């Protein structure tokens, strides 16, 4: 699959090559200038997908780390606060 087809498959529209940059990162590659538009609905969905996964992953980690266990949740928060203050972080 060529580069333009990959861009179209990723959701870009009106894809066209405008020229070469003259910069090649290897003997078999060429720097290219291209023009393309991405419909705002596609761009928004991509942004939501990228942002949602890391935030959900962090929230899962946070919930597991601060779950009641050998040490209760409140004590874990106080330990984290103490460690951040000792490291010089501001509350």
PDB file of N, CA and C in Angstrom:
ATOM      1  N   UNK A   1       0.849  -1.178   0.000  1.00  0.00           N
ATOM      2  CA  UNK A   1       0.000   0.000   0.000  1.00  0.00           C
ATOM      3  C   UNK A   1       0.895   1.241   0.000  1.00  0.00           C
ATOM      4  N   UNK A   2       0.611   2.199  -0.850  1.00  0.00           N
ATOM      5  CA  UNK A   2       1.440   3.398  -0.921  1.00  0.00           C
ATOM      6  C   UNK A   2       1.049   4.406   0.165  1.00  0.00           C
ATOM      7  N   UNK A   3       1.863   5.432   0.300  1.00  0.00           N
ATOM      8  CA  UNK A   3       1.695   6.412   1.363  1.00  0.00           C
ATOM      9  C   UNK A   3       0.353   7.131   1.278  1.00  0.00           C
ATOM     10  N   UNK A   4      -0.044   7.548   0.088  1.00  0.00           N
ATOM     11  CA  UNK A   4      -1.315   8.254  -0.063  1.00  0.00           C
ATOM     12  C   UNK A   4      -2.486   7.365   0.347  1.00  0.00           C
ATOM     13  N   UNK A   5      -2.427   6.079  -0.009  1.00  0.00           N
ATOM     14  CA  UNK A   5      -3.486   5.147   0.377  1.00  0.00           C
ATOM     15  C   UNK A   5      -3.532   4.986   1.896  1.00  0.00           C
ATOM     16  N   UNK A   6      -2.372   4.976   2.545  1.00  0.00           N
ATOM     17  CA  UNK A   6      -2.337   4.879   4.009  1.00  0.00           C
ATOM     18  C   UNK A   6      -2.987   6.094   4.658  1.00  0.00           C
ATOM     19  N   UNK A   7      -2.697   7.281   4.116  1.00  0.00           N
ATOM     20  CA  UNK A   7      -3.316   8.494   4.660  1.00  0.00           C
ATOM     21  C   UNK A   7      -4.828   8.461   4.494  1.00  0.00           C
ATOM     22  N   UNK A   8      -5.293   8.028   3.340  1.00  0.00           N
ATOM     23  CA  UNK A   8      -6.738   7.943   3.110  1.00  0.00           C
ATOM     24  C   UNK A   8      -7.377   6.934   4.056  1.00  0.00           C
ATOM     25  N   UNK A   9      -6.687   5.824   4.258  1.00  0.00           N
ATOM     26  CA  UNK A   9      -7.213   4.793   5.162  1.00  0.00           C
ATOM     27  C   UNK A   9      -7.291   5.294   6.603  1.00  0.00           C
ATOM     28  N   UNK A  10      -6.386   6.214   6.977  1.00  0.00           N
ATOM     29  CA  UNK A  10      -6.372   6.778   8.329  1.00  0.00           C
ATOM     30  C   UNK A  10      -7.445   7.839   8.526  1.00  0.00           C
ATOM     31  N   UNK A  11      -8.191   8.181   7.458  1.00  0.00           N
ATOM     32  CA  UNK A  11      -9.279   9.129   7.604  1.00  0.00           C
ATOM     33  C   UNK A  11      -9.045  10.478   6.952  1.00  0.00           C
ATOM     34  N   UNK A  12      -7.851  10.695   6.374  1.00  0.00           N
ATOM     35  CA  UNK A  12      -7.577  11.956   5.694  1.00  0.00           C
ATOM     36  C   UNK A  12      -8.326  12.008   4.367  1.00  0.00           C
ATOM     37  N   UNK A  13      -8.704  13.205   3.946  1.00  0.00           N
ATOM     38  CA  UNK A  13      -9.399  13.411   2.681  1.00  0.00           C
ATOM     39  C   UNK A  13      -8.603  14.397   1.841  1.00  0.00           C
ATOM     40  N   UNK A  14      -8.888  14.427   0.555  1.00  0.00           N
ATOM     41  CA  UNK A  14      -8.228  15.352  -0.381  1.00  0.00           C
ATOM     42  C   UNK A  14      -6.708  15.252  -0.280  1.00  0.00           C
ATOM     43  N   UNK A  15      -6.197  14.051  -0.234  1.00  0.00           N
ATOM     44  CA  UNK A  15      -4.764  13.820  -0.071  1.00  0.00           C
ATOM     45  C   UNK A  15      -4.060  13.986  -1.417  1.00  0.00           C
ATOM     46  N   UNK A  16      -3.010  14.811  -1.419  1.00  0.00           N
ATOM     47  CA  UNK A  16      -2.222  14.972  -2.638  1.00  0.00           C
ATOM     48  C   UNK A  16      -0.785  15.324  -2.279  1.00  0.00           C
ATOM     49  N   UNK A  17       0.142  14.861  -3.106  1.00  0.00           N
ATOM     50  CA  UNK A  17       1.553  15.198  -2.925  1.00  0.00           C
ATOM     51  C   UNK A  17       1.790  16.561  -3.555  1.00  0.00           C
ATOM     52  N   UNK A  18       2.456  17.465  -2.815  1.00  0.00           N
ATOM     53  CA  UNK A  18       2.712  18.814  -3.312  1.00  0.00           C
ATOM     54  C   UNK A  18       4.136  18.968  -3.834  1.00  0.00           C
ATOM     55  N   UNK A  19       5.072  18.138  -3.358  1.00  0.00           N
ATOM     56  CA  UNK A  19       6.453  18.252  -3.819  1.00  0.00           C
ATOM     57  C   UNK A  19       7.392  17.496  -2.913  1.00  0.00           C
ATOM     58  N   UNK A  20       8.672  17.609  -3.214  1.00  0.00           N
ATOM     59  CA  UNK A  20       9.701  16.963  -2.401  1.00  0.00           C
ATOM     60  C   UNK A  20      10.417  18.011  -1.561  1.00  0.00           C
ATOM     61  N   UNK A  21      10.872  17.596  -0.378  1.00  0.00           N
ATOM     62  CA  UNK A  21      11.573  18.525   0.510  1.00  0.00           C
ATOM     63  C   UNK A  21      13.054  18.620   0.175  1.00  0.00           C
ATOM     64  N   UNK A  22      13.571  17.589  -0.494  1.00  0.00           N
ATOM     65  CA  UNK A  22      15.006  17.547  -0.755  1.00  0.00           C
ATOM     66  C   UNK A  22      15.761  16.879   0.382  1.00  0.00           C
ATOM     67  N   UNK A  23      15.073  16.542   1.441  1.00  0.00           N
ATOM     68  CA  UNK A  23      15.694  15.871   2.587  1.00  0.00           C
ATOM     69  C   UNK A  23      15.364  14.389   2.529  1.00  0.00           C
ATOM     70  N   UNK A  24      16.395  13.558   2.611  1.00  0.00           N
ATOM     71  CA  UNK A  24      16.195  12.108   2.624  1.00  0.00           C
ATOM     72  C   UNK A  24      16.869  11.550   3.860  1.00  0.00           C
ATOM     73  N   UNK A  25      16.138  10.778   4.637  1.00  0.00           N
ATOM     74  CA  UNK A  25      16.696  10.235   5.874  1.00  0.00           C
ATOM     75  C   UNK A  25      17.497   8.961   5.634  1.00  0.00           C
ATOM     76  N   UNK A  26      17.387   8.392   4.445  1.00  0.00           N
ATOM     77  CA  UNK A  26      18.169   7.203   4.086  1.00  0.00           C
ATOM     78  C   UNK A  26      18.257   7.156   2.564  1.00  0.00           C
ATOM     79  N   UNK A  27      19.085   6.257   2.021  1.00  0.00           N
ATOM     80  CA  UNK A  27      19.200   6.176   0.564  1.00  0.00           C
ATOM     81  C   UNK A  27      17.901   5.755  -0.138  1.00  0.00           C
ATOM     82  N   UNK A  28      16.960   5.154   0.583  1.00  0.00           N
ATOM     83  CA  UNK A  28      15.739   4.672  -0.065  1.00  0.00           C
ATOM     84  C   UNK A  28      14.491   5.476   0.286  1.00  0.00           C
ATOM     85  N   UNK A  29      14.640   6.539   1.074  1.00  0.00           N
ATOM     86  CA  UNK A  29      13.475   7.359   1.421  1.00  0.00           C
ATOM     87  C   UNK A  29      13.638   8.759   0.841  1.00  0.00           C
ATOM     88  N   UNK A  30      12.501   9.422   0.625  1.00  0.00           N
ATOM     89  CA  UNK A  30      12.495  10.794   0.135  1.00  0.00           C
ATOM     90  C   UNK A  30      11.563  11.612   1.005  1.00  0.00           C
ATOM     91  N   UNK A  31      11.983  12.797   1.356  1.00  0.00           N
ATOM     92  CA  UNK A  31      11.110  13.698   2.094  1.00  0.00           C
ATOM     93  C   UNK A  31      10.079  14.285   1.155  1.00  0.00           C
ATOM     94  N   UNK A  32       8.828  14.251   1.561  1.00  0.00           N
ATOM     95  CA  UNK A  32       7.749  14.724   0.701  1.00  0.00           C
ATOM     96  C   UNK A  32       6.887  15.742   1.438  1.00  0.00           C
ATOM     97  N   UNK A  33       6.346  16.667   0.672  1.00  0.00           N
ATOM     98  CA  UNK A  33       5.342  17.587   1.189  1.00  0.00           C
ATOM     99  C   UNK A  33       3.998  17.104   0.675  1.00  0.00           C
ATOM    100  N   UNK A  34       3.027  17.011   1.553  1.00  0.00           N
ATOM    101  CA  UNK A  34       1.705  16.591   1.105  1.00  0.00           C
ATOM    102  C   UNK A  34       0.649  17.478   1.739  1.00  0.00           C
ATOM    103  N   UNK A  35      -0.500  17.491   1.122  1.00  0.00           N
ATOM    104  CA  UNK A  35      -1.647  18.249   1.609  1.00  0.00           C
ATOM    105  C   UNK A  35      -2.772  17.259   1.851  1.00  0.00           C
ATOM    106  N   UNK A  36      -3.434  17.406   2.976  1.00  0.00           N
ATOM    107  CA  UNK A  36      -4.576  16.548   3.282  1.00  0.00           C
ATOM    108  C   UNK A  36      -5.445  17.243   4.314  1.00  0.00           C
ATOM    109  N   UNK A  37      -6.699  16.892   4.338  1.00  0.00           N
ATOM    110  CA  UNK A  37      -7.599  17.396   5.366  1.00  0.00           C
ATOM    111  C   UNK A  37      -8.184  16.195   6.109  1.00  0.00           C
ATOM    112  N   UNK A  38      -8.511  16.429   7.354  1.00  0.00           N
ATOM    113  CA  UNK A  38      -9.151  15.386   8.132  1.00  0.00           C
ATOM    114  C   UNK A  38     -10.464  15.953   8.642  1.00  0.00           C
ATOM    115  N   UNK A  39     -11.574  15.311   8.308  1.00  0.00           N
ATOM    116  CA  UNK A  39     -12.854  15.794   8.815  1.00  0.00           C
ATOM    117  C   UNK A  39     -12.819  15.896  10.336  1.00  0.00           C
ATOM    118  N   UNK A  40     -13.447  16.936  10.866  1.00  0.00           N
ATOM    119  CA  UNK A  40     -13.378  17.176  12.309  1.00  0.00           C
ATOM    120  C   UNK A  40     -13.947  16.017  13.115  1.00  0.00           C
ATOM    121  N   UNK A  41     -14.926  15.303  12.580  1.00  0.00           N
ATOM    122  CA  UNK A  41     -15.488  14.173  13.332  1.00  0.00           C
ATOM    123  C   UNK A  41     -14.467  13.066  13.472  1.00  0.00           C
ATOM    124  N   UNK A  42     -13.675  12.825  12.431  1.00  0.00           N
ATOM    125  CA  UNK A  42     -12.633  11.792  12.495  1.00  0.00           C
ATOM    126  C   UNK A  42     -11.548  12.230  13.456  1.00  0.00           C
ATOM    127  N   UNK A  43     -11.136  13.491  13.361  1.00  0.00           N
ATOM    128  CA  UNK A  43     -10.089  13.999  14.240  1.00  0.00           C
ATOM    129  C   UNK A  43     -10.526  13.944  15.698  1.00  0.00           C
ATOM    130  N   UNK A  44     -11.762  14.298  15.974  1.00  0.00           N
ATOM    131  CA  UNK A  44     -12.276  14.275  17.341  1.00  0.00           C
ATOM    132  C   UNK A  44     -12.321  12.853  17.886  1.00  0.00           C
ATOM    133  N   UNK A  45     -12.788  11.909  17.087  1.00  0.00           N
ATOM    134  CA  UNK A  45     -12.827  10.516  17.531  1.00  0.00           C
ATOM    135  C   UNK A  45     -11.431   9.999  17.830  1.00  0.00           C
ATOM    136  N   UNK A  46     -10.454  10.349  16.987  1.00  0.00           N
ATOM    137  CA  UNK A  46      -9.074   9.906  17.211  1.00  0.00           C
ATOM    138  C   UNK A  46      -8.522  10.515  18.488  1.00  0.00           C
ATOM    139  N   UNK A  47      -8.798  11.798  18.722  1.00  0.00           N
ATOM    140  CA  UNK A  47      -8.306  12.465  19.929  1.00  0.00           C
ATOM    141  C   UNK A  47      -8.931  11.847  21.169  1.00  0.00           C
ATOM    142  N   UNK A  48     -10.238  11.592  21.144  1.00  0.00           N
ATOM    143  CA  UNK A  48     -10.911  10.981  22.286  1.00  0.00           C
ATOM    144  C   UNK A  48     -10.334   9.604  22.573  1.00  0.00           C
ATOM    145  N   UNK A  49     -10.085   8.835  21.532  1.00  0.00           N
ATOM    146  CA  UNK A  49      -9.555   7.486  21.712  1.00  0.00           C
ATOM    147  C   UNK A  49      -8.164   7.528  22.331  1.00  0.00           C
ATOM    148  N   UNK A  50      -7.311   8.438  21.858  1.00  0.00           N
ATOM    149  CA  UNK A  50      -5.961   8.539  22.387  1.00  0.00           C
ATOM    150  C   UNK A  50      -5.969   8.985  23.846  1.00  0.00           C
ATOM    151  N   UNK A  51      -6.838   9.925  24.188  1.00  0.00           N
ATOM    152  CA  UNK A  51      -6.860  10.451  25.539  1.00  0.00           C
ATOM    153  C   UNK A  51      -7.569   9.530  26.522  1.00  0.00           C
ATOM    154  N   UNK A  52      -8.548   8.810  26.057  1.00  0.00           N
ATOM    155  CA  UNK A  52      -9.337   7.995  26.958  1.00  0.00           C
ATOM    156  C   UNK A  52      -8.528   6.813  27.505  1.00  0.00           C
ATOM    157  N   UNK A  53      -7.777   6.134  26.682  1.00  0.00           N
ATOM    158  CA  UNK A  53      -7.063   4.953  27.121  1.00  0.00           C
ATOM    159  C   UNK A  53      -6.036   5.241  28.222  1.00  0.00           C
ATOM    160  N   UNK A  54      -5.149   6.246  28.071  1.00  0.00           N
ATOM    161  CA  UNK A  54      -4.196   6.519  29.150  1.00  0.00           C
ATOM    162  C   UNK A  54      -4.866   6.940  30.449  1.00  0.00           C
ATOM    163  N   UNK A  55      -5.925   7.728  30.346  1.00  0.00           N
ATOM    164  CA  UNK A  55      -6.613   8.168  31.558  1.00  0.00           C
ATOM    165  C   UNK A  55      -7.291   7.001  32.268  1.00  0.00           C
ATOM    166  N   UNK A  56      -7.901   6.116  31.495  1.00  0.00           N
ATOM    167  CA  UNK A  56      -8.521   4.935  32.100  1.00  0.00           C
ATOM    168  C   UNK A  56      -7.468   4.042  32.733  1.00  0.00           C
ATOM    169  N   UNK A  57      -6.326   3.894  32.057  1.00  0.00           N
ATOM    170  CA  UNK A  57      -5.239   3.067  32.586  1.00  0.00           C
ATOM    171  C   UNK A  57      -4.735   3.633  33.897  1.00  0.00           C
ATOM    172  N   UNK A  58      -4.541   4.961  33.956  1.00  0.00           N
ATOM    173  CA  UNK A  58      -4.078   5.582  35.195  1.00  0.00           C
ATOM    174  C   UNK A  58      -5.119   5.425  36.299  1.00  0.00           C
ATOM    175  N   UNK A  59      -6.388   5.613  35.969  1.00  0.00           N
ATOM    176  CA  UNK A  59      -7.447   5.493  36.977  1.00  0.00           C
ATOM    177  C   UNK A  59      -7.490   4.071  37.539  1.00  0.00           C
ATOM    178  N   UNK A  60      -7.325   3.072  36.672  1.00  0.00           N
ATOM    179  CA  UNK A  60      -7.281   1.686  37.146  1.00  0.00           C
ATOM    180  C   UNK A  60      -6.107   1.477  38.097  1.00  0.00           C
ATOM    181  N   UNK A  61      -4.927   2.008  37.711  1.00  0.00           N
ATOM    182  CA  UNK A  61      -3.746   1.904  38.570  1.00  0.00           C
ATOM    183  C   UNK A  61      -3.998   2.579  39.916  1.00  0.00           C
ATOM    184  N   UNK A  62      -4.549   3.798  39.874  1.00  0.00           N
ATOM    185  CA  UNK A  62      -4.813   4.554  41.092  1.00  0.00           C
ATOM    186  C   UNK A  62      -5.758   3.794  42.010  1.00  0.00           C
ATOM    187  N   UNK A  63      -6.837   3.269  41.439  1.00  0.00           N
ATOM    188  CA  UNK A  63      -7.816   2.536  42.251  1.00  0.00           C
ATOM    189  C   UNK A  63      -7.202   1.296  42.884  1.00  0.00           C
ATOM    190  N   UNK A  64      -6.367   0.599  42.156  1.00  0.00           N
ATOM    191  CA  UNK A  64      -5.719  -0.591  42.711  1.00  0.00           C
ATOM    192  C   UNK A  64      -4.700  -0.218  43.781  1.00  0.00           C
ATOM    193  N   UNK A  65      -3.929   0.847  43.529  1.00  0.00           N
ATOM    194  CA  UNK A  65      -2.895   1.249  44.485  1.00  0.00           C
ATOM    195  C   UNK A  65      -3.494   1.731  45.801  1.00  0.00           C
ATOM    196  N   UNK A  66      -4.640   2.419  45.720  1.00  0.00           N
ATOM    197  CA  UNK A  66      -5.243   2.986  46.914  1.00  0.00           C
ATOM    198  C   UNK A  66      -6.398   2.154  47.467  1.00  0.00           C
ATOM    199  N   UNK A  67      -6.555   0.956  46.980  1.00  0.00           N
ATOM    200  CA  UNK A  67      -7.603   0.082  47.515  1.00  0.00           C
ATOM    201  C   UNK A  67      -7.242  -0.325  48.945  1.00  0.00           C
ATOM    202  N   UNK A  68      -8.270  -0.491  49.774  1.00  0.00           N
ATOM    203  CA  UNK A  68      -8.018  -0.957  51.132  1.00  0.00           C
ATOM    204  C   UNK A  68      -7.380  -2.333  51.077  1.00  0.00           C
ATOM    205  N   UNK A  69      -6.395  -2.522  51.924  1.00  0.00           N
ATOM    206  CA  UNK A  69      -5.691  -3.799  52.003  1.00  0.00           C
ATOM    207  C   UNK A  69      -5.020  -3.863  53.356  1.00  0.00           C
ATOM    208  N   UNK A  70      -3.725  -4.181  53.362  1.00  0.00           N
ATOM    209  CA  UNK A  70      -2.981  -4.205  54.624  1.00  0.00           C
ATOM    210  C   UNK A  70      -2.945  -2.806  55.238  1.00  0.00           C
ATOM    211  N   UNK A  71      -2.954  -1.797  54.366  1.00  0.00           N
ATOM    212  CA  UNK A  71      -3.006  -0.399  54.819  1.00  0.00           C
ATOM    213  C   UNK A  71      -4.283   0.219  54.245  1.00  0.00           C
ATOM    214  N   UNK A  72      -5.018   0.952  55.086  1.00  0.00           N
ATOM    215  CA  UNK A  72      -6.271   1.539  54.602  1.00  0.00           C
ATOM    216  C   UNK A  72      -5.997   2.703  53.655  1.00  0.00           C
ATOM    217  N   UNK A  73      -7.013   3.096  52.891  1.00  0.00           N
ATOM    218  CA  UNK A  73      -6.914   4.128  51.852  1.00  0.00           C
ATOM    219  C   UNK A  73      -6.428   5.472  52.412  1.00  0.00           C
ATOM    220  N   UNK A  74      -6.965   5.892  53.540  1.00  0.00           N
ATOM    221  CA  UNK A  74      -6.593   7.180  54.129  1.00  0.00           C
ATOM    222  C   UNK A  74      -5.108   7.206  54.480  1.00  0.00           C
ATOM    223  N   UNK A  75      -4.597   6.132  55.066  1.00  0.00           N
ATOM    224  CA  UNK A  75      -3.180   6.063  55.433  1.00  0.00           C
ATOM    225  C   UNK A  75      -2.302   6.110  54.179  1.00  0.00           C
ATOM    226  N   UNK A  76      -2.735   5.435  53.106  1.00  0.00           N
ATOM    227  CA  UNK A  76      -1.975   5.470  51.849  1.00  0.00           C
ATOM    228  C   UNK A  76      -1.907   6.897  51.303  1.00  0.00           C
ATOM    229  N   UNK A  77      -2.998   7.637  51.378  1.00  0.00           N
ATOM    230  CA  UNK A  77      -2.995   9.028  50.929  1.00  0.00           C
ATOM    231  C   UNK A  77      -2.045   9.873  51.778  1.00  0.00           C
ATOM    232  N   UNK A  78      -2.030   9.657  53.082  1.00  0.00           N
ATOM    233  CA  UNK A  78      -1.126  10.412  53.955  1.00  0.00           C
ATOM    234  C   UNK A  78       0.338  10.076  53.671  1.00  0.00           C
ATOM    235  N   UNK A  79       0.622   8.811  53.389  1.00  0.00           N
ATOM    236  CA  UNK A  79       1.995   8.404  53.029  1.00  0.00           C
ATOM    237  C   UNK A  79       2.412   9.081  51.720  1.00  0.00           C
ATOM    238  N   UNK A  80       1.507   9.098  50.720  1.00  0.00           N
ATOM    239  CA  UNK A  80       1.809   9.731  49.434  1.00  0.00           C
ATOM    240  C   UNK A  80       2.048  11.228  49.617  1.00  0.00           C
ATOM    241  N   UNK A  81       1.232  11.874  50.439  1.00  0.00           N
ATOM    242  CA  UNK A  81       1.415  13.308  50.714  1.00  0.00           C
ATOM    243  C   UNK A  81       2.747  13.560  51.381  1.00  0.00           C
ATOM    244  N   UNK A  82       3.106  12.742  52.358  1.00  0.00           N
ATOM    245  CA  UNK A  82       4.382  12.890  53.067  1.00  0.00           C
ATOM    246  C   UNK A  82       5.566  12.711  52.109  1.00  0.00           C
ATOM    247  N   UNK A  83       5.466  11.716  51.237  1.00  0.00           N
ATOM    248  CA  UNK A  83       6.548  11.467  50.272  1.00  0.00           C
ATOM    249  C   UNK A  83       6.693  12.629  49.295  1.00  0.00           C
ATOM    250  N   UNK A  84       5.581  13.182  48.846  1.00  0.00           N
ATOM    251  CA  UNK A  84       5.671  14.301  47.896  1.00  0.00           C
ATOM    252  C   UNK A  84       6.231  15.560  48.572  1.00  0.00           C
ATOM    253  N   UNK A  85       5.850  15.795  49.831  1.00  0.00           N
ATOM    254  CA  UNK A  85       6.403  16.941  50.562  1.00  0.00           C
ATOM    255  C   UNK A  85       7.893  16.758  50.816  1.00  0.00           C
ATOM    256  N   UNK A  86       8.317  15.544  51.155  1.00  0.00           N
ATOM    257  CA  UNK A  86       9.727  15.258  51.378  1.00  0.00           C
ATOM    258  C   UNK A  86      10.530  15.436  50.103  1.00  0.00           C
ATOM    259  N   UNK A  87       9.902  15.168  48.948  1.00  0.00           N
ATOM    260  CA  UNK A  87      10.581  15.314  47.651  1.00  0.00           C
ATOM    261  C   UNK A  87      10.603  16.765  47.182  1.00  0.00           C
ATOM    262  N   UNK A  88       9.918  17.653  47.905  1.00  0.00           N
ATOM    263  CA  UNK A  88       9.917  19.059  47.556  1.00  0.00           C
ATOM    264  C   UNK A  88       8.766  19.493  46.693  1.00  0.00           C
ATOM    265  N   UNK A  89       7.779  18.619  46.494  1.00  0.00           N
ATOM    266  CA  UNK A  89       6.593  18.987  45.718  1.00  0.00           C
ATOM    267  C   UNK A  89       5.701  19.891  46.569  1.00  0.00           C
ATOM    268  N   UNK A  90       5.008  20.815  45.904  1.00  0.00           N
ATOM    269  CA  UNK A  90       4.094  21.685  46.627  1.00  0.00           C
ATOM    270  C   UNK A  90       2.702  21.099  46.613  1.00  0.00           C
ATOM    271  N   UNK A  91       1.960  21.198  47.729  1.00  0.00           N
ATOM    272  CA  UNK A  91       0.599  20.626  47.750  1.00  0.00           C
ATOM    273  C   UNK A  91      -0.376  21.443  46.929  1.00  0.00           C
TER     274      UNK A  91
END
